[in-house]
């Protein structure tokens, strides 16, 4: 089973490929460029251009993105298929709708059942529009002590794995500020050990990490977290963060060590998609986001 997981994750990386550093301090472009390894995507909600879904897709493509992520459930499948054809921009994956409020960690079994159905329907809709990952926030620490919500969420999410395998859509767990698998009140120096154990407990090649590079820079070295997670990382999210100012920033601003991030991604032989998750806007703003990604990852 371990070998199967490794092979499947390697397949996910290679089939999603086309075959970093803050601006003021580091030099990712010349050190560990990821050109040819990384494809750029963004969240549909970042596209603030007026008009139809097709027009939004065209704006994202014109801004330099290779794909776009939808929200599922909630996808208008026919409209989205038409937007893909008319724009030439694929949907590479989706974000599970409502996962912050209807959670797999909820102590109420009825709520967990709703979370499971939303996950399953999200997988179905993602498949219907050609996506291959569904981002999932697994729950929240406010639902109980870790010793309770850990197995509770594992048991619930695992019920969707057979469907994920049937559809060929991976469940991509995101590391977020949800008071789970890290110490929210802690300081930098934390590691990814709990995330590693959590993903491994599913014992499935259809569950991995959509690792958010910016979310936990406050708490630890993102390069080291990537190294620890290794092939469990099947997709990326990116934003900037400043430890000094204790706030999220534009990609490349702040003090996040993108040079080490790029080095770590090279070391784990990552090939695949990276989704911008920052403030969006019109075509000018989206071009800025795209250029920022080019800079920190050495894609230009």
C-alpha atoms as a PDB file:
ATOM      1  CA  UNK A   1       0.000   0.000   0.000  1.00  0.00           C
ATOM      2  CA  UNK A   2       2.900   2.359   0.750  1.00  0.00           C
ATOM      3  CA  UNK A   3       4.397   1.654  -2.686  1.00  0.00           C
ATOM      4  CA  UNK A   4       1.012   2.223  -4.331  1.00  0.00           C
ATOM      5  CA  UNK A   5       0.700   5.571  -2.576  1.00  0.00           C
ATOM      6  CA  UNK A   6       4.132   6.662  -3.736  1.00  0.00           C
ATOM      7  CA  UNK A   7       3.474   5.633  -7.324  1.00  0.00           C
ATOM      8  CA  UNK A   8       0.074   7.332  -7.422  1.00  0.00           C
ATOM      9  CA  UNK A   9       1.431  10.580  -6.006  1.00  0.00           C
ATOM     10  CA  UNK A  10       4.265  10.518  -8.510  1.00  0.00           C
ATOM     11  CA  UNK A  11       1.664  10.000 -11.259  1.00  0.00           C
ATOM     12  CA  UNK A  12      -0.365  12.967 -10.002  1.00  0.00           C
ATOM     13  CA  UNK A  13       2.715  15.185 -10.114  1.00  0.00           C
ATOM     14  CA  UNK A  14       3.917  14.197 -13.572  1.00  0.00           C
ATOM     15  CA  UNK A  15       0.520  14.250 -15.245  1.00  0.00           C
ATOM     16  CA  UNK A  16      -0.329  17.749 -13.937  1.00  0.00           C
ATOM     17  CA  UNK A  17       2.894  19.305 -15.189  1.00  0.00           C
ATOM     18  CA  UNK A  18       3.463  20.858 -18.617  1.00  0.00           C
ATOM     19  CA  UNK A  19       5.788  17.870 -19.408  1.00  0.00           C
ATOM     20  CA  UNK A  20      11.226  32.338  -4.526  1.00  0.00           C
ATOM     21  CA  UNK A  21      11.859  34.756  -2.579  1.00  0.00           C
ATOM     22  CA  UNK A  22      10.867  38.176  -1.271  1.00  0.00           C
ATOM     23  CA  UNK A  23      11.773  40.890  -3.756  1.00  0.00           C
ATOM     24  CA  UNK A  24      14.110  42.688  -1.395  1.00  0.00           C
ATOM     25  CA  UNK A  25      16.249  39.866  -0.083  1.00  0.00           C
ATOM     26  CA  UNK A  26      16.522  36.592  -1.919  1.00  0.00           C
ATOM     27  CA  UNK A  27      17.203  35.338  -5.444  1.00  0.00           C
ATOM     28  CA  UNK A  28      14.967  32.390  -6.310  1.00  0.00           C
ATOM     29  CA  UNK A  29      15.062  33.130 -10.024  1.00  0.00           C
ATOM     30  CA  UNK A  30      18.770  32.412 -10.257  1.00  0.00           C
ATOM     31  CA  UNK A  31      19.031  29.790  -7.498  1.00  0.00           C
ATOM     32  CA  UNK A  32      16.267  27.200  -7.800  1.00  0.00           C
ATOM     33  CA  UNK A  33      13.944  28.181 -10.661  1.00  0.00           C
ATOM     34  CA  UNK A  34      10.800  26.113 -11.060  1.00  0.00           C
ATOM     35  CA  UNK A  35      10.160  26.935 -14.708  1.00  0.00           C
ATOM     36  CA  UNK A  36       8.890  23.796 -16.416  1.00  0.00           C
ATOM     37  CA  UNK A  37       7.808  22.362 -13.057  1.00  0.00           C
ATOM     38  CA  UNK A  38       5.065  24.746 -11.922  1.00  0.00           C
ATOM     39  CA  UNK A  39       1.721  25.690 -13.459  1.00  0.00           C
ATOM     40  CA  UNK A  40      -0.095  28.778 -12.206  1.00  0.00           C
ATOM     41  CA  UNK A  41      -3.744  28.787 -11.218  1.00  0.00           C
ATOM     42  CA  UNK A  42      -5.965  31.029  -9.083  1.00  0.00           C
ATOM     43  CA  UNK A  43      -9.282  31.016  -7.254  1.00  0.00           C
ATOM     44  CA  UNK A  44     -12.328  32.003  -9.320  1.00  0.00           C
ATOM     45  CA  UNK A  45     -13.288  34.512  -6.622  1.00  0.00           C
ATOM     46  CA  UNK A  46     -10.124  36.496  -7.331  1.00  0.00           C
ATOM     47  CA  UNK A  47     -11.348  37.405 -10.818  1.00  0.00           C
ATOM     48  CA  UNK A  48     -13.283  40.653 -10.362  1.00  0.00           C
ATOM     49  CA  UNK A  49     -13.791  41.378 -14.048  1.00  0.00           C
ATOM     50  CA  UNK A  50     -17.401  41.991 -15.132  1.00  0.00           C
ATOM     51  CA  UNK A  51     -19.281  39.823 -17.563  1.00  0.00           C
ATOM     52  CA  UNK A  52     -19.926  36.143 -18.099  1.00  0.00           C
ATOM     53  CA  UNK A  53     -17.946  33.234 -16.740  1.00  0.00           C
ATOM     54  CA  UNK A  54     -16.292  32.915 -20.143  1.00  0.00           C
ATOM     55  CA  UNK A  55     -15.145  36.530 -19.931  1.00  0.00           C
ATOM     56  CA  UNK A  56     -13.742  35.912 -16.440  1.00  0.00           C
ATOM     57  CA  UNK A  57     -11.852  32.871 -17.700  1.00  0.00           C
ATOM     58  CA  UNK A  58     -10.438  34.915 -20.597  1.00  0.00           C
ATOM     59  CA  UNK A  59      -9.225  37.615 -18.203  1.00  0.00           C
ATOM     60  CA  UNK A  60      -7.469  35.010 -16.039  1.00  0.00           C
ATOM     61  CA  UNK A  61      -5.803  33.516 -19.105  1.00  0.00           C
ATOM     62  CA  UNK A  62      -4.767  36.928 -20.433  1.00  0.00           C
ATOM     63  CA  UNK A  63      -3.226  37.670 -17.023  1.00  0.00           C
ATOM     64  CA  UNK A  64      -0.890  34.709 -17.476  1.00  0.00           C
ATOM     65  CA  UNK A  65      -2.583  31.882 -15.590  1.00  0.00           C
ATOM     66  CA  UNK A  66      -2.617  28.290 -16.852  1.00  0.00           C
ATOM     67  CA  UNK A  67      -5.822  27.213 -15.094  1.00  0.00           C
ATOM     68  CA  UNK A  68      -8.483  28.242 -12.615  1.00  0.00           C
ATOM     69  CA  UNK A  69     -10.067  26.742  -9.492  1.00  0.00           C
ATOM     70  CA  UNK A  70     -13.848  26.694  -8.980  1.00  0.00           C
ATOM     71  CA  UNK A  71     -15.941  26.277  -5.823  1.00  0.00           C
ATOM     72  CA  UNK A  72     -17.682  22.927  -5.447  1.00  0.00           C
ATOM     73  CA  UNK A  73     -20.456  22.108  -4.799  1.00  0.00           C
ATOM     74  CA  UNK A  74     -21.904  25.080  -6.600  1.00  0.00           C
ATOM     75  CA  UNK A  75     -20.454  24.749 -10.088  1.00  0.00           C
ATOM     76  CA  UNK A  76     -22.746  25.443 -13.021  1.00  0.00           C
ATOM     77  CA  UNK A  77     -21.350  22.560 -15.037  1.00  0.00           C
ATOM     78  CA  UNK A  78     -22.629  23.492 -18.482  1.00  0.00           C
ATOM     79  CA  UNK A  79     -21.659  27.152 -18.108  1.00  0.00           C
ATOM     80  CA  UNK A  80     -18.202  26.145 -16.881  1.00  0.00           C
ATOM     81  CA  UNK A  81     -17.655  23.685 -19.730  1.00  0.00           C
ATOM     82  CA  UNK A  82     -18.614  26.418 -22.180  1.00  0.00           C
ATOM     83  CA  UNK A  83     -16.193  28.855 -20.512  1.00  0.00           C
ATOM     84  CA  UNK A  84     -13.393  26.299 -20.786  1.00  0.00           C
ATOM     85  CA  UNK A  85     -13.990  25.756 -24.498  1.00  0.00           C
ATOM     86  CA  UNK A  86     -14.457  29.419 -25.363  1.00  0.00           C
ATOM     87  CA  UNK A  87     -11.477  30.668 -23.333  1.00  0.00           C
ATOM     88  CA  UNK A  88      -9.066  27.767 -23.694  1.00  0.00           C
ATOM     89  CA  UNK A  89      -8.449  27.894 -19.922  1.00  0.00           C
ATOM     90  CA  UNK A  90      -8.912  24.593 -18.039  1.00  0.00           C
ATOM     91  CA  UNK A  91     -10.305  24.043 -14.574  1.00  0.00           C
ATOM     92  CA  UNK A  92      -7.510  22.269 -12.728  1.00  0.00           C
ATOM     93  CA  UNK A  93      -9.387  21.774  -9.470  1.00  0.00           C
ATOM     94  CA  UNK A  94     -11.884  23.128  -6.987  1.00  0.00           C
ATOM     95  CA  UNK A  95     -12.248  24.339  -3.406  1.00  0.00           C
ATOM     96  CA  UNK A  96     -14.811  22.536  -1.261  1.00  0.00           C
ATOM     97  CA  UNK A  97     -17.680  24.909  -0.536  1.00  0.00           C
ATOM     98  CA  UNK A  98     -18.771  25.498   3.031  1.00  0.00           C
ATOM     99  CA  UNK A  99     -16.073  23.400   4.674  1.00  0.00           C
ATOM    100  CA  UNK A 100     -15.389  26.065   7.312  1.00  0.00           C
ATOM    101  CA  UNK A 101     -18.983  26.001   8.568  1.00  0.00           C
ATOM    102  CA  UNK A 102     -20.068  22.394   7.887  1.00  0.00           C
ATOM    103  CA  UNK A 103     -17.122  20.462   9.260  1.00  0.00           C
ATOM    104  CA  UNK A 104     -15.857  16.896   9.385  1.00  0.00           C
ATOM    105  CA  UNK A 105     -14.761  17.542  12.990  1.00  0.00           C
ATOM    106  CA  UNK A 106     -18.215  18.612  14.200  1.00  0.00           C
ATOM    107  CA  UNK A 107     -19.422  16.589  17.211  1.00  0.00           C
ATOM    108  CA  UNK A 108     -22.900  16.334  15.640  1.00  0.00           C
ATOM    109  CA  UNK A 109     -23.120  13.252  13.436  1.00  0.00           C
ATOM    110  CA  UNK A 110     -25.792  14.936  11.286  1.00  0.00           C
ATOM    111  CA  UNK A 111     -23.457  17.843  10.528  1.00  0.00           C
ATOM    112  CA  UNK A 112     -20.662  15.434   9.641  1.00  0.00           C
ATOM    113  CA  UNK A 113     -23.031  13.640   7.268  1.00  0.00           C
ATOM    114  CA  UNK A 114     -23.703  16.955   5.504  1.00  0.00           C
ATOM    115  CA  UNK A 115     -19.968  17.619   5.314  1.00  0.00           C
ATOM    116  CA  UNK A 116     -19.434  14.204   3.732  1.00  0.00           C
ATOM    117  CA  UNK A 117     -22.148  14.738   1.137  1.00  0.00           C
ATOM    118  CA  UNK A 118     -20.703  18.167   0.278  1.00  0.00           C
ATOM    119  CA  UNK A 119     -17.298  16.539  -0.165  1.00  0.00           C
ATOM    120  CA  UNK A 120     -18.702  13.806  -2.398  1.00  0.00           C
ATOM    121  CA  UNK A 121     -20.724  16.219  -4.517  1.00  0.00           C
ATOM    122  CA  UNK A 122     -17.695  18.484  -4.763  1.00  0.00           C
ATOM    123  CA  UNK A 123     -15.681  15.568  -6.111  1.00  0.00           C
ATOM    124  CA  UNK A 124     -18.386  14.763  -8.673  1.00  0.00           C
ATOM    125  CA  UNK A 125     -18.678  18.368  -9.892  1.00  0.00           C
ATOM    126  CA  UNK A 126     -14.905  18.798 -10.041  1.00  0.00           C
ATOM    127  CA  UNK A 127     -14.645  15.703 -12.215  1.00  0.00           C
ATOM    128  CA  UNK A 128     -17.481  16.916 -14.442  1.00  0.00           C
ATOM    129  CA  UNK A 129     -15.511  20.040 -15.421  1.00  0.00           C
ATOM    130  CA  UNK A 130     -12.153  18.301 -15.805  1.00  0.00           C
ATOM    131  CA  UNK A 131     -10.534  19.106 -12.460  1.00  0.00           C
ATOM    132  CA  UNK A 132      -8.291  16.671 -10.614  1.00  0.00           C
ATOM    133  CA  UNK A 133      -8.122  18.011  -7.030  1.00  0.00           C
ATOM    134  CA  UNK A 134     -10.621  19.196  -4.438  1.00  0.00           C
ATOM    135  CA  UNK A 135      -9.150  21.372  -1.696  1.00  0.00           C
ATOM    136  CA  UNK A 136     -10.484  20.535   1.758  1.00  0.00           C
ATOM    137  CA  UNK A 137     -10.261  22.191   5.171  1.00  0.00           C
ATOM    138  CA  UNK A 138     -10.803  19.169   7.403  1.00  0.00           C
ATOM    139  CA  UNK A 139     -12.378  21.002  10.347  1.00  0.00           C
ATOM    140  CA  UNK A 140     -11.575  23.181  13.348  1.00  0.00           C
ATOM    141  CA  UNK A 141     -10.012  22.740  16.750  1.00  0.00           C
ATOM    142  CA  UNK A 142     -12.983  24.427  18.400  1.00  0.00           C
ATOM    143  CA  UNK A 143     -14.953  21.220  17.819  1.00  0.00           C
ATOM    144  CA  UNK A 144     -13.073  19.402  20.559  1.00  0.00           C
ATOM    145  CA  UNK A 145      -9.663  18.212  21.748  1.00  0.00           C
ATOM    146  CA  UNK A 146      -7.304  16.875  19.105  1.00  0.00           C
ATOM    147  CA  UNK A 147      -7.621  13.321  20.419  1.00  0.00           C
ATOM    148  CA  UNK A 148     -11.324  13.474  19.494  1.00  0.00           C
ATOM    149  CA  UNK A 149     -11.458  15.524  16.299  1.00  0.00           C
ATOM    150  CA  UNK A 150      -8.489  13.754  14.697  1.00  0.00           C
ATOM    151  CA  UNK A 151     -10.124  10.290  14.461  1.00  0.00           C
ATOM    152  CA  UNK A 152     -13.574  11.840  13.966  1.00  0.00           C
ATOM    153  CA  UNK A 153     -12.472  13.681  10.842  1.00  0.00           C
ATOM    154  CA  UNK A 154     -10.403  10.769   9.531  1.00  0.00           C
ATOM    155  CA  UNK A 155     -13.382   8.428   9.795  1.00  0.00           C
ATOM    156  CA  UNK A 156     -15.727  10.848   8.008  1.00  0.00           C
ATOM    157  CA  UNK A 157     -13.423  11.943   5.187  1.00  0.00           C
ATOM    158  CA  UNK A 158     -12.295   8.350   4.541  1.00  0.00           C
ATOM    159  CA  UNK A 159     -15.847   7.509   3.473  1.00  0.00           C
ATOM    160  CA  UNK A 160     -15.301   9.660   0.359  1.00  0.00           C
ATOM    161  CA  UNK A 161     -12.053   7.982  -0.707  1.00  0.00           C
ATOM    162  CA  UNK A 162     -13.687   5.226  -2.814  1.00  0.00           C
ATOM    163  CA  UNK A 163     -15.522   7.898  -4.806  1.00  0.00           C
ATOM    164  CA  UNK A 164     -12.345   9.973  -5.159  1.00  0.00           C
ATOM    165  CA  UNK A 165     -10.568   6.904  -6.559  1.00  0.00           C
ATOM    166  CA  UNK A 166     -13.438   6.105  -8.917  1.00  0.00           C
ATOM    167  CA  UNK A 167     -13.494   9.658 -10.290  1.00  0.00           C
ATOM    168  CA  UNK A 168      -9.743  10.209 -10.286  1.00  0.00           C
ATOM    169  CA  UNK A 169     -10.037  13.384  -8.198  1.00  0.00           C
ATOM    170  CA  UNK A 170      -7.690  13.702  -5.216  1.00  0.00           C
ATOM    171  CA  UNK A 171      -8.755  15.102  -1.838  1.00  0.00           C
ATOM    172  CA  UNK A 172      -6.208  17.859  -1.193  1.00  0.00           C
ATOM    173  CA  UNK A 173      -6.036  18.876   2.469  1.00  0.00           C
ATOM    174  CA  UNK A 174      -5.013  22.485   3.070  1.00  0.00           C
ATOM    175  CA  UNK A 175      -2.990  23.632   6.071  1.00  0.00           C
ATOM    176  CA  UNK A 176      -4.893  26.610   7.449  1.00  0.00           C
ATOM    177  CA  UNK A 177      -5.325  28.571  10.674  1.00  0.00           C
ATOM    178  CA  UNK A 178      -7.905  26.129  12.051  1.00  0.00           C
ATOM    179  CA  UNK A 179      -6.215  25.281  15.376  1.00  0.00           C
ATOM    180  CA  UNK A 180      -5.461  21.751  14.233  1.00  0.00           C
ATOM    181  CA  UNK A 181      -2.134  19.943  13.722  1.00  0.00           C
ATOM    182  CA  UNK A 182      -0.178  22.966  14.974  1.00  0.00           C
ATOM    183  CA  UNK A 183      -0.100  25.262  18.034  1.00  0.00           C
ATOM    184  CA  UNK A 184      -2.048  28.375  17.096  1.00  0.00           C
ATOM    185  CA  UNK A 185      -0.654  30.316  20.043  1.00  0.00           C
ATOM    186  CA  UNK A 186       2.854  28.983  19.481  1.00  0.00           C
ATOM    187  CA  UNK A 187       5.802  30.618  17.795  1.00  0.00           C
ATOM    188  CA  UNK A 188       8.053  29.854  14.839  1.00  0.00           C
ATOM    189  CA  UNK A 189       9.984  26.602  15.082  1.00  0.00           C
ATOM    190  CA  UNK A 190       7.029  24.244  14.768  1.00  0.00           C
ATOM    191  CA  UNK A 191       7.286  21.353  12.313  1.00  0.00           C
ATOM    192  CA  UNK A 192       4.971  19.418   9.981  1.00  0.00           C
ATOM    193  CA  UNK A 193       5.085  16.125  11.888  1.00  0.00           C
ATOM    194  CA  UNK A 194       1.376  16.107  12.736  1.00  0.00           C
ATOM    195  CA  UNK A 195       0.359  16.906   9.160  1.00  0.00           C
ATOM    196  CA  UNK A 196       2.539  14.021   7.966  1.00  0.00           C
ATOM    197  CA  UNK A 197       0.910  11.598  10.405  1.00  0.00           C
ATOM    198  CA  UNK A 198      -2.577  12.890   9.627  1.00  0.00           C
ATOM    199  CA  UNK A 199      -2.263  12.389   5.867  1.00  0.00           C
ATOM    200  CA  UNK A 200      -0.606   8.996   6.317  1.00  0.00           C
ATOM    201  CA  UNK A 201      -3.442   7.772   8.506  1.00  0.00           C
ATOM    202  CA  UNK A 202      -5.737   7.767   5.476  1.00  0.00           C
ATOM    203  CA  UNK A 203      -3.330   5.274   3.883  1.00  0.00           C
ATOM    204  CA  UNK A 204      -4.561   6.282   0.445  1.00  0.00           C
ATOM    205  CA  UNK A 205      -2.924   7.715  -2.673  1.00  0.00           C
ATOM    206  CA  UNK A 206      -6.096   9.777  -3.155  1.00  0.00           C
ATOM    207  CA  UNK A 207      -5.479  11.972  -0.100  1.00  0.00           C
ATOM    208  CA  UNK A 208      -2.620  14.468  -0.038  1.00  0.00           C
ATOM    209  CA  UNK A 209      -1.828  18.090   0.781  1.00  0.00           C
ATOM    210  CA  UNK A 210      -2.608  21.263  -1.077  1.00  0.00           C
ATOM    211  CA  UNK A 211       0.181  22.880   0.851  1.00  0.00           C
ATOM    212  CA  UNK A 212      -0.290  26.602   1.478  1.00  0.00           C
ATOM    213  CA  UNK A 213       3.171  28.150   1.491  1.00  0.00           C
ATOM    214  CA  UNK A 214       2.098  31.362   3.227  1.00  0.00           C
ATOM    215  CA  UNK A 215      -0.297  30.111   5.883  1.00  0.00           C
ATOM    216  CA  UNK A 216       2.217  28.704   8.353  1.00  0.00           C
ATOM    217  CA  UNK A 217       5.378  30.756   7.790  1.00  0.00           C
ATOM    218  CA  UNK A 218       4.406  32.394  11.083  1.00  0.00           C
ATOM    219  CA  UNK A 219       4.885  29.034  12.781  1.00  0.00           C
ATOM    220  CA  UNK A 220       7.813  27.339  11.052  1.00  0.00           C
ATOM    221  CA  UNK A 221      10.137  26.927   8.089  1.00  0.00           C
ATOM    222  CA  UNK A 222       8.035  26.326   4.993  1.00  0.00           C
ATOM    223  CA  UNK A 223      10.987  24.755   3.211  1.00  0.00           C
ATOM    224  CA  UNK A 224      11.386  22.235   6.009  1.00  0.00           C
ATOM    225  CA  UNK A 225       7.645  21.550   6.108  1.00  0.00           C
ATOM    226  CA  UNK A 226       7.716  20.822   2.368  1.00  0.00           C
ATOM    227  CA  UNK A 227      10.685  18.485   2.834  1.00  0.00           C
ATOM    228  CA  UNK A 228       8.883  16.623   5.633  1.00  0.00           C
ATOM    229  CA  UNK A 229       5.649  16.307   3.640  1.00  0.00           C
ATOM    230  CA  UNK A 230       7.491  15.210   0.499  1.00  0.00           C
ATOM    231  CA  UNK A 231       5.288  13.364  -2.000  1.00  0.00           C
ATOM    232  CA  UNK A 232       2.240  14.080   0.145  1.00  0.00           C
ATOM    233  CA  UNK A 233       2.285  17.558  -1.449  1.00  0.00           C
ATOM    234  CA  UNK A 234       0.152  17.180  -4.557  1.00  0.00           C
ATOM    235  CA  UNK A 235      -0.652  20.853  -5.080  1.00  0.00           C
ATOM    236  CA  UNK A 236       0.288  24.281  -3.700  1.00  0.00           C
ATOM    237  CA  UNK A 237      -1.379  27.483  -2.574  1.00  0.00           C
ATOM    238  CA  UNK A 238       0.666  30.650  -2.256  1.00  0.00           C
ATOM    239  CA  UNK A 239       0.453  34.018  -0.543  1.00  0.00           C
ATOM    240  CA  UNK A 240       2.963  36.233   1.240  1.00  0.00           C
ATOM    241  CA  UNK A 241       3.404  36.716   4.976  1.00  0.00           C
ATOM    242  CA  UNK A 242       5.446  39.003   7.202  1.00  0.00           C
ATOM    243  CA  UNK A 243       6.502  37.656  10.585  1.00  0.00           C
ATOM    244  CA  UNK A 244       7.758  41.117  11.495  1.00  0.00           C
ATOM    245  CA  UNK A 245       4.383  42.747  10.817  1.00  0.00           C
ATOM    246  CA  UNK A 246       2.385  39.595  11.700  1.00  0.00           C
ATOM    247  CA  UNK A 247       0.178  39.835   8.628  1.00  0.00           C
ATOM    248  CA  UNK A 248      -0.401  38.348   5.198  1.00  0.00           C
ATOM    249  CA  UNK A 249       1.089  40.212   2.255  1.00  0.00           C
ATOM    250  CA  UNK A 250       1.261  40.181  -1.503  1.00  0.00           C
ATOM    251  CA  UNK A 251       3.255  37.290  -2.966  1.00  0.00           C
ATOM    252  CA  UNK A 252       6.932  38.188  -2.648  1.00  0.00           C
ATOM    253  CA  UNK A 253       6.466  40.901  -0.054  1.00  0.00           C
ATOM    254  CA  UNK A 254       7.058  40.260   3.640  1.00  0.00           C
ATOM    255  CA  UNK A 255       9.859  38.000   4.843  1.00  0.00           C
ATOM    256  CA  UNK A 256       8.828  34.515   3.708  1.00  0.00           C
ATOM    257  CA  UNK A 257      11.932  32.618   2.544  1.00  0.00           C
ATOM    258  CA  UNK A 258      10.935  31.736  -1.010  1.00  0.00           C
ATOM    259  CA  UNK A 259      14.484  30.755  -1.897  1.00  0.00           C
ATOM    260  CA  UNK A 260      14.337  27.862   0.556  1.00  0.00           C
ATOM    261  CA  UNK A 261      10.789  27.035  -0.568  1.00  0.00           C
ATOM    262  CA  UNK A 262      11.959  26.705  -4.171  1.00  0.00           C
ATOM    263  CA  UNK A 263      14.941  24.637  -3.068  1.00  0.00           C
ATOM    264  CA  UNK A 264      12.659  22.315  -1.076  1.00  0.00           C
ATOM    265  CA  UNK A 265      10.222  21.920  -3.988  1.00  0.00           C
ATOM    266  CA  UNK A 266      13.160  20.990  -6.202  1.00  0.00           C
ATOM    267  CA  UNK A 267      14.378  18.478  -3.623  1.00  0.00           C
ATOM    268  CA  UNK A 268      11.021  16.681  -3.449  1.00  0.00           C
ATOM    269  CA  UNK A 269      10.826  16.816  -7.260  1.00  0.00           C
ATOM    270  CA  UNK A 270       7.525  18.661  -7.241  1.00  0.00           C
ATOM    271  CA  UNK A 271       5.796  19.093 -10.590  1.00  0.00           C
ATOM    272  CA  UNK A 272       2.272  20.488 -10.647  1.00  0.00           C
ATOM    273  CA  UNK A 273      -0.109  23.310  -9.905  1.00  0.00           C
ATOM    274  CA  UNK A 274       0.269  26.312  -7.611  1.00  0.00           C
ATOM    275  CA  UNK A 275      -2.811  28.404  -6.812  1.00  0.00           C
ATOM    276  CA  UNK A 276      -2.615  32.078  -5.907  1.00  0.00           C
ATOM    277  CA  UNK A 277      -4.755  32.846  -2.864  1.00  0.00           C
ATOM    278  CA  UNK A 278      -4.486  36.594  -2.395  1.00  0.00           C
ATOM    279  CA  UNK A 279      -6.621  39.638  -3.007  1.00  0.00           C
ATOM    280  CA  UNK A 280      -7.811  39.654  -6.599  1.00  0.00           C
ATOM    281  CA  UNK A 281      -9.134  42.348  -8.874  1.00  0.00           C
ATOM    282  CA  UNK A 282      -9.207  43.458 -12.483  1.00  0.00           C
ATOM    283  CA  UNK A 283      -6.843  42.429 -15.284  1.00  0.00           C
ATOM    284  CA  UNK A 284      -4.107  44.771 -14.033  1.00  0.00           C
ATOM    285  CA  UNK A 285      -4.184  43.289 -10.535  1.00  0.00           C
ATOM    286  CA  UNK A 286      -4.263  39.704 -11.824  1.00  0.00           C
ATOM    287  CA  UNK A 287      -1.273  40.426 -14.069  1.00  0.00           C
ATOM    288  CA  UNK A 288       0.523  41.681 -10.972  1.00  0.00           C
ATOM    289  CA  UNK A 289      -0.269  38.471  -9.092  1.00  0.00           C
ATOM    290  CA  UNK A 290       0.900  36.383 -12.032  1.00  0.00           C
ATOM    291  CA  UNK A 291       4.137  38.369 -12.305  1.00  0.00           C
ATOM    292  CA  UNK A 292       4.740  38.043  -8.563  1.00  0.00           C
ATOM    293  CA  UNK A 293       4.447  34.271  -8.891  1.00  0.00           C
ATOM    294  CA  UNK A 294       6.841  34.323 -11.851  1.00  0.00           C
ATOM    295  CA  UNK A 295       9.350  36.220  -9.753  1.00  0.00           C
ATOM    296  CA  UNK A 296       9.351  34.189  -6.556  1.00  0.00           C
ATOM    297  CA  UNK A 297       9.300  30.820  -8.337  1.00  0.00           C
ATOM    298  CA  UNK A 298      11.689  31.731 -11.153  1.00  0.00           C
ATOM    299  CA  UNK A 299       9.139  31.162 -13.900  1.00  0.00           C
ATOM    300  CA  UNK A 300       9.910  34.161 -16.082  1.00  0.00           C
END
